[in-house]
Amino acid sequence: QVQLVESGGGWVQAGGSLRLSCATSGRTSSTYVMGWFRQAPGKEREFVARTRWSGFGIYYADSVKGRFTITRDNAKNTVYLQMNSLKPEDTAVYYCAAGASETQYNYWGQGTQVTVSS
């Protein structure tokens, strides 16, 4: 079983920054894809960014490209999402996920709220 715990969410003014963390435990495979998703009120969950523990396969949604950066610390089994130049439309609950492929995320965290005020 794999457990994912997000942290680092909060409230920030537009233009500010936050760094989200996703601590993993359990039997995560080194080949797993680690992804960040978000869901705003009244909207469907959407993809934000992904990486592999190897550091390859980094990909971003167009809406966050150039502002968000996904990194990982293999020694700490933790994936990060650095979010800069935040906009009110980035307000959402952010979820960390792990899976065998880009289209198969088997494990999800509980989510962390990010609120960006204008």
PDB file of N, CA and C in Angstrom:
ATOM      1  N   GLN A   1       0.837  -1.180   0.000  1.00  0.00           N
ATOM      2  CA  GLN A   1       0.000   0.000   0.000  1.00  0.00           C
ATOM      3  C   GLN A   1       0.882   1.243   0.000  1.00  0.00           C
ATOM      4  N   VAL A   2       0.437   2.253  -0.708  1.00  0.00           N
ATOM      5  CA  VAL A   2       1.174   3.506  -0.823  1.00  0.00           C
ATOM      6  C   VAL A   2       0.365   4.615  -0.165  1.00  0.00           C
ATOM      7  N   GLN A   3       1.016   5.403   0.652  1.00  0.00           N
ATOM      8  CA  GLN A   3       0.360   6.553   1.272  1.00  0.00           C
ATOM      9  C   GLN A   3       1.008   7.836   0.773  1.00  0.00           C
ATOM     10  N   LEU A   4       0.173   8.807   0.490  1.00  0.00           N
ATOM     11  CA  LEU A   4       0.620  10.107   0.014  1.00  0.00           C
ATOM     12  C   LEU A   4       0.041  11.169   0.933  1.00  0.00           C
ATOM     13  N   VAL A   5       0.878  12.069   1.404  1.00  0.00           N
ATOM     14  CA  VAL A   5       0.423  13.132   2.301  1.00  0.00           C
ATOM     15  C   VAL A   5       0.918  14.464   1.772  1.00  0.00           C
ATOM     16  N   GLU A   6      -0.026  15.327   1.377  1.00  0.00           N
ATOM     17  CA  GLU A   6       0.324  16.657   0.883  1.00  0.00           C
ATOM     18  C   GLU A   6       0.395  17.654   2.030  1.00  0.00           C
ATOM     19  N   SER A   7       1.204  18.669   1.837  1.00  0.00           N
ATOM     20  CA  SER A   7       1.274  19.775   2.777  1.00  0.00           C
ATOM     21  C   SER A   7       1.776  20.999   2.036  1.00  0.00           C
ATOM     22  N   GLY A   8       1.675  22.153   2.697  1.00  0.00           N
ATOM     23  CA  GLY A   8       2.207  23.371   2.110  1.00  0.00           C
ATOM     24  C   GLY A   8       1.178  24.305   1.515  1.00  0.00           C
ATOM     25  N   GLY A   9      -0.070  23.895   1.513  1.00  0.00           N
ATOM     26  CA  GLY A   9      -1.096  24.784   0.988  1.00  0.00           C
ATOM     27  C   GLY A   9      -1.348  25.942   1.930  1.00  0.00           C
ATOM     28  N   GLY A  10      -2.138  26.887   1.453  1.00  0.00           N
ATOM     29  CA  GLY A  10      -2.451  28.038   2.290  1.00  0.00           C
ATOM     30  C   GLY A  10      -3.033  29.163   1.483  1.00  0.00           C
ATOM     31  N   TRP A  11      -2.988  30.339   2.068  1.00  0.00           N
ATOM     32  CA  TRP A  11      -3.528  31.536   1.429  1.00  0.00           C
ATOM     33  C   TRP A  11      -2.377  32.434   1.016  1.00  0.00           C
ATOM     34  N   VAL A  12      -2.488  32.998  -0.195  1.00  0.00           N
ATOM     35  CA  VAL A  12      -1.441  33.883  -0.678  1.00  0.00           C
ATOM     36  C   VAL A  12      -2.073  34.911  -1.616  1.00  0.00           C
ATOM     37  N   GLN A  13      -1.484  36.068  -1.686  1.00  0.00           N
ATOM     38  CA  GLN A  13      -1.963  37.086  -2.617  1.00  0.00           C
ATOM     39  C   GLN A  13      -1.466  36.791  -4.027  1.00  0.00           C
ATOM     40  N   ALA A  14      -2.191  37.286  -4.998  1.00  0.00           N
ATOM     41  CA  ALA A  14      -1.798  37.096  -6.388  1.00  0.00           C
ATOM     42  C   ALA A  14      -0.362  37.589  -6.593  1.00  0.00           C
ATOM     43  N   GLY A  15       0.398  36.814  -7.357  1.00  0.00           N
ATOM     44  CA  GLY A  15       1.799  37.120  -7.575  1.00  0.00           C
ATOM     45  C   GLY A  15       2.733  36.442  -6.589  1.00  0.00           C
ATOM     46  N   GLY A  16       2.168  35.874  -5.552  1.00  0.00           N
ATOM     47  CA  GLY A  16       2.972  35.214  -4.539  1.00  0.00           C
ATOM     48  C   GLY A  16       3.347  33.794  -4.908  1.00  0.00           C
ATOM     49  N   SER A  17       3.991  33.121  -3.952  1.00  0.00           N
ATOM     50  CA  SER A  17       4.493  31.768  -4.189  1.00  0.00           C
ATOM     51  C   SER A  17       4.132  30.845  -3.036  1.00  0.00           C
ATOM     52  N   LEU A  18       4.017  29.577  -3.366  1.00  0.00           N
ATOM     53  CA  LEU A  18       3.847  28.523  -2.382  1.00  0.00           C
ATOM     54  C   LEU A  18       4.593  27.298  -2.869  1.00  0.00           C
ATOM     55  N   ARG A  19       5.015  26.465  -1.932  1.00  0.00           N
ATOM     56  CA  ARG A  19       5.618  25.188  -2.305  1.00  0.00           C
ATOM     57  C   ARG A  19       4.845  24.068  -1.637  1.00  0.00           C
ATOM     58  N   LEU A  20       4.301  23.200  -2.449  1.00  0.00           N
ATOM     59  CA  LEU A  20       3.591  22.038  -1.946  1.00  0.00           C
ATOM     60  C   LEU A  20       4.536  20.852  -1.856  1.00  0.00           C
ATOM     61  N   SER A  21       4.298  20.019  -0.855  1.00  0.00           N
ATOM     62  CA  SER A  21       5.090  18.805  -0.682  1.00  0.00           C
ATOM     63  C   SER A  21       4.168  17.593  -0.687  1.00  0.00           C
ATOM     64  N   CYS A  22       4.682  16.499  -1.197  1.00  0.00           N
ATOM     65  CA  CYS A  22       3.948  15.232  -1.195  1.00  0.00           C
ATOM     66  C   CYS A  22       4.894  14.163  -0.654  1.00  0.00           C
ATOM     67  N   ALA A  23       4.685  13.794   0.583  1.00  0.00           N
ATOM     68  CA  ALA A  23       5.510  12.771   1.213  1.00  0.00           C
ATOM     69  C   ALA A  23       4.895  11.401   0.939  1.00  0.00           C
ATOM     70  N   THR A  24       5.712  10.486   0.462  1.00  0.00           N
ATOM     71  CA  THR A  24       5.217   9.157   0.116  1.00  0.00           C
ATOM     72  C   THR A  24       5.764   8.109   1.079  1.00  0.00           C
ATOM     73  N   SER A  25       4.996   7.102   1.318  1.00  0.00           N
ATOM     74  CA  SER A  25       5.448   5.981   2.126  1.00  0.00           C
ATOM     75  C   SER A  25       4.789   4.716   1.590  1.00  0.00           C
ATOM     76  N   GLY A  26       5.359   3.603   1.941  1.00  0.00           N
ATOM     77  CA  GLY A  26       4.846   2.365   1.404  1.00  0.00           C
ATOM     78  C   GLY A  26       5.691   1.902   0.238  1.00  0.00           C
ATOM     79  N   ARG A  27       5.160   0.999  -0.527  1.00  0.00           N
ATOM     80  CA  ARG A  27       5.933   0.362  -1.590  1.00  0.00           C
ATOM     81  C   ARG A  27       5.758   1.093  -2.918  1.00  0.00           C
ATOM     82  N   THR A  28       6.424   2.251  -3.032  1.00  0.00           N
ATOM     83  CA  THR A  28       6.390   2.975  -4.300  1.00  0.00           C
ATOM     84  C   THR A  28       7.490   2.444  -5.208  1.00  0.00           C
ATOM     85  N   SER A  29       7.120   2.217  -6.419  1.00  0.00           N
ATOM     86  CA  SER A  29       8.091   1.738  -7.397  1.00  0.00           C
ATOM     87  C   SER A  29       8.904   2.894  -7.940  1.00  0.00           C
ATOM     88  N   SER A  30      10.164   2.620  -8.232  1.00  0.00           N
ATOM     89  CA  SER A  30      11.024   3.650  -8.805  1.00  0.00           C
ATOM     90  C   SER A  30      10.548   4.064 -10.191  1.00  0.00           C
ATOM     91  N   THR A  31       9.705   3.273 -10.795  1.00  0.00           N
ATOM     92  CA  THR A  31       9.206   3.609 -12.128  1.00  0.00           C
ATOM     93  C   THR A  31       7.882   4.369 -12.081  1.00  0.00           C
ATOM     94  N   TYR A  32       7.370   4.592 -10.888  1.00  0.00           N
ATOM     95  CA  TYR A  32       6.080   5.253 -10.763  1.00  0.00           C
ATOM     96  C   TYR A  32       6.112   6.668 -11.333  1.00  0.00           C
ATOM     97  N   VAL A  33       4.986   7.073 -11.831  1.00  0.00           N
ATOM     98  CA  VAL A  33       4.762   8.459 -12.209  1.00  0.00           C
ATOM     99  C   VAL A  33       4.158   9.169 -11.006  1.00  0.00           C
ATOM    100  N   MET A  34       4.676  10.329 -10.683  1.00  0.00           N
ATOM    101  CA  MET A  34       4.150  11.149  -9.593  1.00  0.00           C
ATOM    102  C   MET A  34       3.525  12.396 -10.214  1.00  0.00           C
ATOM    103  N   GLY A  35       2.275  12.628  -9.892  1.00  0.00           N
ATOM    104  CA  GLY A  35       1.570  13.738 -10.501  1.00  0.00           C
ATOM    105  C   GLY A  35       0.929  14.666  -9.489  1.00  0.00           C
ATOM    106  N   TRP A  36       0.719  15.896  -9.923  1.00  0.00           N
ATOM    107  CA  TRP A  36      -0.062  16.873  -9.170  1.00  0.00           C
ATOM    108  C   TRP A  36      -1.309  17.199  -9.989  1.00  0.00           C
ATOM    109  N   PHE A  37      -2.433  17.211  -9.304  1.00  0.00           N
ATOM    110  CA  PHE A  37      -3.703  17.585  -9.903  1.00  0.00           C
ATOM    111  C   PHE A  37      -4.353  18.641  -9.028  1.00  0.00           C
ATOM    112  N   ARG A  38      -5.377  19.285  -9.557  1.00  0.00           N
ATOM    113  CA  ARG A  38      -6.109  20.255  -8.742  1.00  0.00           C
ATOM    114  C   ARG A  38      -7.575  20.242  -9.121  1.00  0.00           C
ATOM    115  N   GLN A  39      -8.400  20.649  -8.170  1.00  0.00           N
ATOM    116  CA  GLN A  39      -9.825  20.737  -8.410  1.00  0.00           C
ATOM    117  C   GLN A  39     -10.375  21.991  -7.762  1.00  0.00           C
ATOM    118  N   ALA A  40     -10.894  22.865  -8.596  1.00  0.00           N
ATOM    119  CA  ALA A  40     -11.501  24.102  -8.115  1.00  0.00           C
ATOM    120  C   ALA A  40     -12.985  23.855  -7.856  1.00  0.00           C
ATOM    121  N   PRO A  41     -13.607  24.684  -7.020  1.00  0.00           N
ATOM    122  CA  PRO A  41     -15.032  24.502  -6.716  1.00  0.00           C
ATOM    123  C   PRO A  41     -15.889  24.510  -7.983  1.00  0.00           C
ATOM    124  N   GLY A  42     -16.721  23.501  -8.131  1.00  0.00           N
ATOM    125  CA  GLY A  42     -17.617  23.430  -9.272  1.00  0.00           C
ATOM    126  C   GLY A  42     -16.978  22.987 -10.563  1.00  0.00           C
ATOM    127  N   LYS A  43     -15.695  22.619 -10.498  1.00  0.00           N
ATOM    128  CA  LYS A  43     -14.984  22.203 -11.713  1.00  0.00           C
ATOM    129  C   LYS A  43     -14.458  20.788 -11.559  1.00  0.00           C
ATOM    130  N   GLU A  44     -14.117  20.189 -12.692  1.00  0.00           N
ATOM    131  CA  GLU A  44     -13.548  18.853 -12.656  1.00  0.00           C
ATOM    132  C   GLU A  44     -12.078  18.927 -12.262  1.00  0.00           C
ATOM    133  N   ARG A  45     -11.592  17.833 -11.749  1.00  0.00           N
ATOM    134  CA  ARG A  45     -10.184  17.755 -11.418  1.00  0.00           C
ATOM    135  C   ARG A  45      -9.346  17.835 -12.705  1.00  0.00           C
ATOM    136  N   GLU A  46      -8.255  18.576 -12.638  1.00  0.00           N
ATOM    137  CA  GLU A  46      -7.413  18.729 -13.816  1.00  0.00           C
ATOM    138  C   GLU A  46      -5.953  18.451 -13.486  1.00  0.00           C
ATOM    139  N   PHE A  47      -5.262  18.005 -14.511  1.00  0.00           N
ATOM    140  CA  PHE A  47      -3.830  17.716 -14.401  1.00  0.00           C
ATOM    141  C   PHE A  47      -3.046  19.009 -14.269  1.00  0.00           C
ATOM    142  N   VAL A  48      -1.988  18.980 -13.442  1.00  0.00           N
ATOM    143  CA  VAL A  48      -1.116  20.138 -13.277  1.00  0.00           C
ATOM    144  C   VAL A  48       0.304  19.835 -13.755  1.00  0.00           C
ATOM    145  N   ALA A  49       0.906  18.782 -13.209  1.00  0.00           N
ATOM    146  CA  ALA A  49       2.294  18.460 -13.556  1.00  0.00           C
ATOM    147  C   ALA A  49       2.587  17.016 -13.174  1.00  0.00           C
ATOM    148  N   ARG A  50       3.633  16.461 -13.773  1.00  0.00           N
ATOM    149  CA  ARG A  50       4.032  15.106 -13.416  1.00  0.00           C
ATOM    150  C   ARG A  50       5.523  14.929 -13.613  1.00  0.00           C
ATOM    151  N   THR A  51       6.065  13.914 -12.945  1.00  0.00           N
ATOM    152  CA  THR A  51       7.465  13.538 -13.099  1.00  0.00           C
ATOM    153  C   THR A  51       7.589  12.069 -12.732  1.00  0.00           C
ATOM    154  N   ARG A  52       8.735  11.515 -12.987  1.00  0.00           N
ATOM    155  CA  ARG A  52       9.052  10.183 -12.512  1.00  0.00           C
ATOM    156  C   ARG A  52      10.157  10.302 -11.477  1.00  0.00           C
ATOM    157  N   TRP A  53      10.318   9.293 -10.658  1.00  0.00           N
ATOM    158  CA  TRP A  53      11.372   9.324  -9.659  1.00  0.00           C
ATOM    159  C   TRP A  53      12.751   9.420 -10.322  1.00  0.00           C
ATOM    160  N   SER A  54      12.848   9.001 -11.556  1.00  0.00           N
ATOM    161  CA  SER A  54      14.111   9.096 -12.280  1.00  0.00           C
ATOM    162  C   SER A  54      14.434  10.526 -12.689  1.00  0.00           C
ATOM    163  N   GLY A  55      13.411  11.380 -12.644  1.00  0.00           N
ATOM    164  CA  GLY A  55      13.606  12.766 -13.068  1.00  0.00           C
ATOM    165  C   GLY A  55      13.222  12.987 -14.521  1.00  0.00           C
ATOM    166  N   PHE A  56      12.977  11.905 -15.236  1.00  0.00           N
ATOM    167  CA  PHE A  56      12.546  12.026 -16.624  1.00  0.00           C
ATOM    168  C   PHE A  56      11.035  12.170 -16.700  1.00  0.00           C
ATOM    169  N   GLY A  57      10.555  12.533 -17.862  1.00  0.00           N
ATOM    170  CA  GLY A  57       9.120  12.586 -18.080  1.00  0.00           C
ATOM    171  C   GLY A  57       8.419  13.723 -17.383  1.00  0.00           C
ATOM    172  N   ILE A  58       9.096  14.846 -17.213  1.00  0.00           N
ATOM    173  CA  ILE A  58       8.455  16.012 -16.602  1.00  0.00           C
ATOM    174  C   ILE A  58       7.554  16.678 -17.637  1.00  0.00           C
ATOM    175  N   TYR A  59       6.352  16.986 -17.193  1.00  0.00           N
ATOM    176  CA  TYR A  59       5.363  17.564 -18.098  1.00  0.00           C
ATOM    177  C   TYR A  59       4.438  18.465 -17.292  1.00  0.00           C
ATOM    178  N   TYR A  60       4.035  19.584 -17.922  1.00  0.00           N
ATOM    179  CA  TYR A  60       3.178  20.566 -17.253  1.00  0.00           C
ATOM    180  C   TYR A  60       1.937  20.866 -18.088  1.00  0.00           C
ATOM    181  N   ALA A  61       0.879  21.198 -17.403  1.00  0.00           N
ATOM    182  CA  ALA A  61      -0.285  21.733 -18.086  1.00  0.00           C
ATOM    183  C   ALA A  61       0.073  23.115 -18.631  1.00  0.00           C
ATOM    184  N   ASP A  62      -0.517  23.483 -19.747  1.00  0.00           N
ATOM    185  CA  ASP A  62      -0.215  24.780 -20.358  1.00  0.00           C
ATOM    186  C   ASP A  62      -0.514  25.934 -19.402  1.00  0.00           C
ATOM    187  N   SER A  63      -1.517  25.776 -18.580  1.00  0.00           N
ATOM    188  CA  SER A  63      -1.943  26.856 -17.693  1.00  0.00           C
ATOM    189  C   SER A  63      -0.919  27.185 -16.611  1.00  0.00           C
ATOM    190  N   VAL A  64       0.015  26.275 -16.347  1.00  0.00           N
ATOM    191  CA  VAL A  64       0.992  26.512 -15.279  1.00  0.00           C
ATOM    192  C   VAL A  64       2.427  26.543 -15.806  1.00  0.00           C
ATOM    193  N   LYS A  65       2.606  26.245 -17.062  1.00  0.00           N
ATOM    194  CA  LYS A  65       3.948  26.184 -17.637  1.00  0.00           C
ATOM    195  C   LYS A  65       4.654  27.522 -17.485  1.00  0.00           C
ATOM    196  N   GLY A  66       5.894  27.470 -17.003  1.00  0.00           N
ATOM    197  CA  GLY A  66       6.667  28.679 -16.779  1.00  0.00           C
ATOM    198  C   GLY A  66       6.467  29.288 -15.405  1.00  0.00           C
ATOM    199  N   ARG A  67       5.460  28.836 -14.677  1.00  0.00           N
ATOM    200  CA  ARG A  67       5.197  29.361 -13.334  1.00  0.00           C
ATOM    201  C   ARG A  67       5.392  28.288 -12.258  1.00  0.00           C
ATOM    202  N   PHE A  68       5.061  27.058 -12.573  1.00  0.00           N
ATOM    203  CA  PHE A  68       5.175  25.960 -11.609  1.00  0.00           C
ATOM    204  C   PHE A  68       6.351  25.068 -11.984  1.00  0.00           C
ATOM    205  N   THR A  69       6.972  24.483 -10.958  1.00  0.00           N
ATOM    206  CA  THR A  69       8.076  23.560 -11.169  1.00  0.00           C
ATOM    207  C   THR A  69       7.895  22.339 -10.276  1.00  0.00           C
ATOM    208  N   ILE A  70       7.956  21.172 -10.882  1.00  0.00           N
ATOM    209  CA  ILE A  70       7.855  19.920 -10.122  1.00  0.00           C
ATOM    210  C   ILE A  70       9.251  19.336  -9.947  1.00  0.00           C
ATOM    211  N   THR A  71       9.566  18.967  -8.722  1.00  0.00           N
ATOM    212  CA  THR A  71      10.853  18.351  -8.422  1.00  0.00           C
ATOM    213  C   THR A  71      10.616  17.179  -7.470  1.00  0.00           C
ATOM    214  N   ARG A  72      11.669  16.395  -7.266  1.00  0.00           N
ATOM    215  CA  ARG A  72      11.531  15.284  -6.327  1.00  0.00           C
ATOM    216  C   ARG A  72      12.835  15.096  -5.575  1.00  0.00           C
ATOM    217  N   ASP A  73      12.725  14.609  -4.347  1.00  0.00           N
ATOM    218  CA  ASP A  73      13.878  14.285  -3.517  1.00  0.00           C
ATOM    219  C   ASP A  73      13.768  12.793  -3.229  1.00  0.00           C
ATOM    220  N   ASN A  74      14.523  12.009  -3.971  1.00  0.00           N
ATOM    221  CA  ASN A  74      14.405  10.564  -3.837  1.00  0.00           C
ATOM    222  C   ASN A  74      14.788  10.081  -2.439  1.00  0.00           C
ATOM    223  N   ALA A  75      15.754  10.741  -1.826  1.00  0.00           N
ATOM    224  CA  ALA A  75      16.192  10.324  -0.491  1.00  0.00           C
ATOM    225  C   ALA A  75      15.085  10.524   0.549  1.00  0.00           C
ATOM    226  N   LYS A  76      14.260  11.528   0.322  1.00  0.00           N
ATOM    227  CA  LYS A  76      13.167  11.822   1.251  1.00  0.00           C
ATOM    228  C   LYS A  76      11.833  11.263   0.781  1.00  0.00           C
ATOM    229  N   ASN A  77      11.841  10.619  -0.385  1.00  0.00           N
ATOM    230  CA  ASN A  77      10.590  10.089  -0.948  1.00  0.00           C
ATOM    231  C   ASN A  77       9.515  11.162  -1.017  1.00  0.00           C
ATOM    232  N   THR A  78       9.910  12.328  -1.459  1.00  0.00           N
ATOM    233  CA  THR A  78       9.010  13.478  -1.468  1.00  0.00           C
ATOM    234  C   THR A  78       9.052  14.166  -2.824  1.00  0.00           C
ATOM    235  N   VAL A  79       7.893  14.549  -3.283  1.00  0.00           N
ATOM    236  CA  VAL A  79       7.755  15.306  -4.521  1.00  0.00           C
ATOM    237  C   VAL A  79       7.248  16.697  -4.159  1.00  0.00           C
ATOM    238  N   TYR A  80       7.755  17.693  -4.853  1.00  0.00           N
ATOM    239  CA  TYR A  80       7.401  19.083  -4.563  1.00  0.00           C
ATOM    240  C   TYR A  80       6.758  19.741  -5.785  1.00  0.00           C
ATOM    241  N   LEU A  81       5.977  20.749  -5.503  1.00  0.00           N
ATOM    242  CA  LEU A  81       5.440  21.597  -6.558  1.00  0.00           C
ATOM    243  C   LEU A  81       5.667  23.042  -6.138  1.00  0.00           C
ATOM    244  N   GLN A  82       6.646  23.666  -6.748  1.00  0.00           N
ATOM    245  CA  GLN A  82       6.918  25.085  -6.502  1.00  0.00           C
ATOM    246  C   GLN A  82       6.005  25.908  -7.391  1.00  0.00           C
ATOM    247  N   MET A  83       5.208  26.747  -6.781  1.00  0.00           N
ATOM    248  CA  MET A  83       4.239  27.545  -7.524  1.00  0.00           C
ATOM    249  C   MET A  83       4.572  29.019  -7.369  1.00  0.00           C
ATOM    250  N   ASN A  84       4.940  29.656  -8.457  1.00  0.00           N
ATOM    251  CA  ASN A  84       5.280  31.083  -8.470  1.00  0.00           C
ATOM    252  C   ASN A  84       4.263  31.852  -9.303  1.00  0.00           C
ATOM    253  N   SER A  85       4.266  33.153  -9.124  1.00  0.00           N
ATOM    254  CA  SER A  85       3.369  34.037  -9.885  1.00  0.00           C
ATOM    255  C   SER A  85       1.932  33.527  -9.836  1.00  0.00           C
ATOM    256  N   LEU A  86       1.493  33.208  -8.650  1.00  0.00           N
ATOM    257  CA  LEU A  86       0.162  32.616  -8.498  1.00  0.00           C
ATOM    258  C   LEU A  86      -0.930  33.591  -8.899  1.00  0.00           C
ATOM    259  N   LYS A  87      -1.989  33.019  -9.459  1.00  0.00           N
ATOM    260  CA  LYS A  87      -3.139  33.789  -9.919  1.00  0.00           C
ATOM    261  C   LYS A  87      -4.387  33.312  -9.177  1.00  0.00           C
ATOM    262  N   PRO A  88      -5.404  34.157  -9.106  1.00  0.00           N
ATOM    263  CA  PRO A  88      -6.646  33.716  -8.444  1.00  0.00           C
ATOM    264  C   PRO A  88      -7.210  32.432  -9.045  1.00  0.00           C
ATOM    265  N   GLU A  89      -7.028  32.241 -10.340  1.00  0.00           N
ATOM    266  CA  GLU A  89      -7.540  31.034 -10.987  1.00  0.00           C
ATOM    267  C   GLU A  89      -6.763  29.775 -10.611  1.00  0.00           C
ATOM    268  N   ASP A  90      -5.678  29.922  -9.866  1.00  0.00           N
ATOM    269  CA  ASP A  90      -4.954  28.753  -9.355  1.00  0.00           C
ATOM    270  C   ASP A  90      -5.587  28.232  -8.063  1.00  0.00           C
ATOM    271  N   THR A  91      -6.560  28.954  -7.538  1.00  0.00           N
ATOM    272  CA  THR A  91      -7.236  28.521  -6.324  1.00  0.00           C
ATOM    273  C   THR A  91      -7.918  27.177  -6.538  1.00  0.00           C
ATOM    274  N   ALA A  92      -7.584  26.220  -5.681  1.00  0.00           N
ATOM    275  CA  ALA A  92      -8.115  24.862  -5.826  1.00  0.00           C
ATOM    276  C   ALA A  92      -7.591  24.001  -4.682  1.00  0.00           C
ATOM    277  N   VAL A  93      -8.134  22.806  -4.593  1.00  0.00           N
ATOM    278  CA  VAL A  93      -7.527  21.779  -3.752  1.00  0.00           C
ATOM    279  C   VAL A  93      -6.534  21.029  -4.631  1.00  0.00           C
ATOM    280  N   TYR A  94      -5.315  20.930  -4.170  1.00  0.00           N
ATOM    281  CA  TYR A  94      -4.248  20.286  -4.931  1.00  0.00           C
ATOM    282  C   TYR A  94      -4.014  18.879  -4.371  1.00  0.00           C
ATOM    283  N   TYR A  95      -3.951  17.926  -5.296  1.00  0.00           N
ATOM    284  CA  TYR A  95      -3.777  16.523  -4.935  1.00  0.00           C
ATOM    285  C   TYR A  95      -2.498  15.968  -5.533  1.00  0.00           C
ATOM    286  N   CYS A  96      -1.845  15.141  -4.762  1.00  0.00           N
ATOM    287  CA  CYS A  96      -0.704  14.382  -5.234  1.00  0.00           C
ATOM    288  C   CYS A  96      -1.196  12.986  -5.587  1.00  0.00           C
ATOM    289  N   ALA A  97      -0.611  12.396  -6.631  1.00  0.00           N
ATOM    290  CA  ALA A  97      -1.017  11.071  -7.057  1.00  0.00           C
ATOM    291  C   ALA A  97       0.194  10.274  -7.529  1.00  0.00           C
ATOM    292  N   ALA A  98       0.079   8.959  -7.427  1.00  0.00           N
ATOM    293  CA  ALA A  98       1.150   8.069  -7.874  1.00  0.00           C
ATOM    294  C   ALA A  98       0.542   6.927  -8.676  1.00  0.00           C
ATOM    295  N   GLY A  99       1.252   6.509  -9.706  1.00  0.00           N
ATOM    296  CA  GLY A  99       0.714   5.430 -10.505  1.00  0.00           C
ATOM    297  C   GLY A  99       1.721   4.813 -11.441  1.00  0.00           C
ATOM    298  N   ALA A 100       1.248   3.787 -12.106  1.00  0.00           N
ATOM    299  CA  ALA A 100       2.128   3.030 -12.988  1.00  0.00           C
ATOM    300  C   ALA A 100       2.382   3.737 -14.312  1.00  0.00           C
ATOM    301  N   SER A 101       1.491   4.647 -14.681  1.00  0.00           N
ATOM    302  CA  SER A 101       1.687   5.346 -15.947  1.00  0.00           C
ATOM    303  C   SER A 101       0.989   6.700 -15.887  1.00  0.00           C
ATOM    304  N   GLU A 102       1.179   7.481 -16.950  1.00  0.00           N
ATOM    305  CA  GLU A 102       0.580   8.812 -17.002  1.00  0.00           C
ATOM    306  C   GLU A 102      -0.942   8.768 -17.028  1.00  0.00           C
ATOM    307  N   THR A 103      -1.501   7.635 -17.375  1.00  0.00           N
ATOM    308  CA  THR A 103      -2.952   7.529 -17.452  1.00  0.00           C
ATOM    309  C   THR A 103      -3.519   6.596 -16.390  1.00  0.00           C
ATOM    310  N   GLN A 104      -2.685   6.154 -15.481  1.00  0.00           N
ATOM    311  CA  GLN A 104      -3.139   5.218 -14.460  1.00  0.00           C
ATOM    312  C   GLN A 104      -2.555   5.606 -13.114  1.00  0.00           C
ATOM    313  N   TYR A 105      -3.281   6.461 -12.396  1.00  0.00           N
ATOM    314  CA  TYR A 105      -2.868   6.874 -11.063  1.00  0.00           C
ATOM    315  C   TYR A 105      -3.654   6.047 -10.049  1.00  0.00           C
ATOM    316  N   ASN A 106      -2.944   5.234  -9.304  1.00  0.00           N
ATOM    317  CA  ASN A 106      -3.582   4.292  -8.393  1.00  0.00           C
ATOM    318  C   ASN A 106      -3.757   4.826  -6.977  1.00  0.00           C
ATOM    319  N   TYR A 107      -2.929   5.809  -6.618  1.00  0.00           N
ATOM    320  CA  TYR A 107      -2.927   6.288  -5.244  1.00  0.00           C
ATOM    321  C   TYR A 107      -3.054   7.807  -5.223  1.00  0.00           C
ATOM    322  N   TRP A 108      -3.822   8.295  -4.255  1.00  0.00           N
ATOM    323  CA  TRP A 108      -4.092   9.724  -4.146  1.00  0.00           C
ATOM    324  C   TRP A 108      -3.925  10.175  -2.700  1.00  0.00           C
ATOM    325  N   GLY A 109      -3.471  11.409  -2.551  1.00  0.00           N
ATOM    326  CA  GLY A 109      -3.427  12.012  -1.234  1.00  0.00           C
ATOM    327  C   GLY A 109      -4.764  12.636  -0.888  1.00  0.00           C
ATOM    328  N   GLN A 110      -4.820  13.244   0.286  1.00  0.00           N
ATOM    329  CA  GLN A 110      -6.083  13.813   0.774  1.00  0.00           C
ATOM    330  C   GLN A 110      -6.321  15.230   0.253  1.00  0.00           C
ATOM    331  N   GLY A 111      -5.281  15.831  -0.308  1.00  0.00           N
ATOM    332  CA  GLY A 111      -5.422  17.166  -0.875  1.00  0.00           C
ATOM    333  C   GLY A 111      -5.023  18.267   0.098  1.00  0.00           C
ATOM    334  N   THR A 112      -4.597  19.376  -0.461  1.00  0.00           N
ATOM    335  CA  THR A 112      -4.261  20.553   0.332  1.00  0.00           C
ATOM    336  C   THR A 112      -4.824  21.782  -0.380  1.00  0.00           C
ATOM    337  N   GLN A 113      -5.437  22.665   0.384  1.00  0.00           N
ATOM    338  CA  GLN A 113      -6.123  23.821  -0.192  1.00  0.00           C
ATOM    339  C   GLN A 113      -5.136  24.935  -0.503  1.00  0.00           C
ATOM    340  N   VAL A 114      -5.239  25.484  -1.689  1.00  0.00           N
ATOM    341  CA  VAL A 114      -4.483  26.670  -2.087  1.00  0.00           C
ATOM    342  C   VAL A 114      -5.490  27.750  -2.459  1.00  0.00           C
ATOM    343  N   THR A 115      -5.380  28.898  -1.828  1.00  0.00           N
ATOM    344  CA  THR A 115      -6.276  30.019  -2.096  1.00  0.00           C
ATOM    345  C   THR A 115      -5.448  31.231  -2.475  1.00  0.00           C
ATOM    346  N   VAL A 116      -5.712  31.785  -3.642  1.00  0.00           N
ATOM    347  CA  VAL A 116      -4.995  32.944  -4.138  1.00  0.00           C
ATOM    348  C   VAL A 116      -5.984  34.102  -4.245  1.00  0.00           C
ATOM    349  N   SER A 117      -5.721  35.168  -3.514  1.00  0.00           N
ATOM    350  CA  SER A 117      -6.627  36.312  -3.527  1.00  0.00           C
ATOM    351  C   SER A 117      -6.109  37.380  -4.481  1.00  0.00           C
ATOM    352  N   SER A 118      -7.031  38.100  -5.072  1.00  0.00           N
ATOM    353  CA  SER A 118      -6.658  39.151  -6.033  1.00  0.00           C
ATOM    354  C   SER A 118      -6.399  40.478  -5.347  1.00  0.00           C
TER     355      SER A 118
END
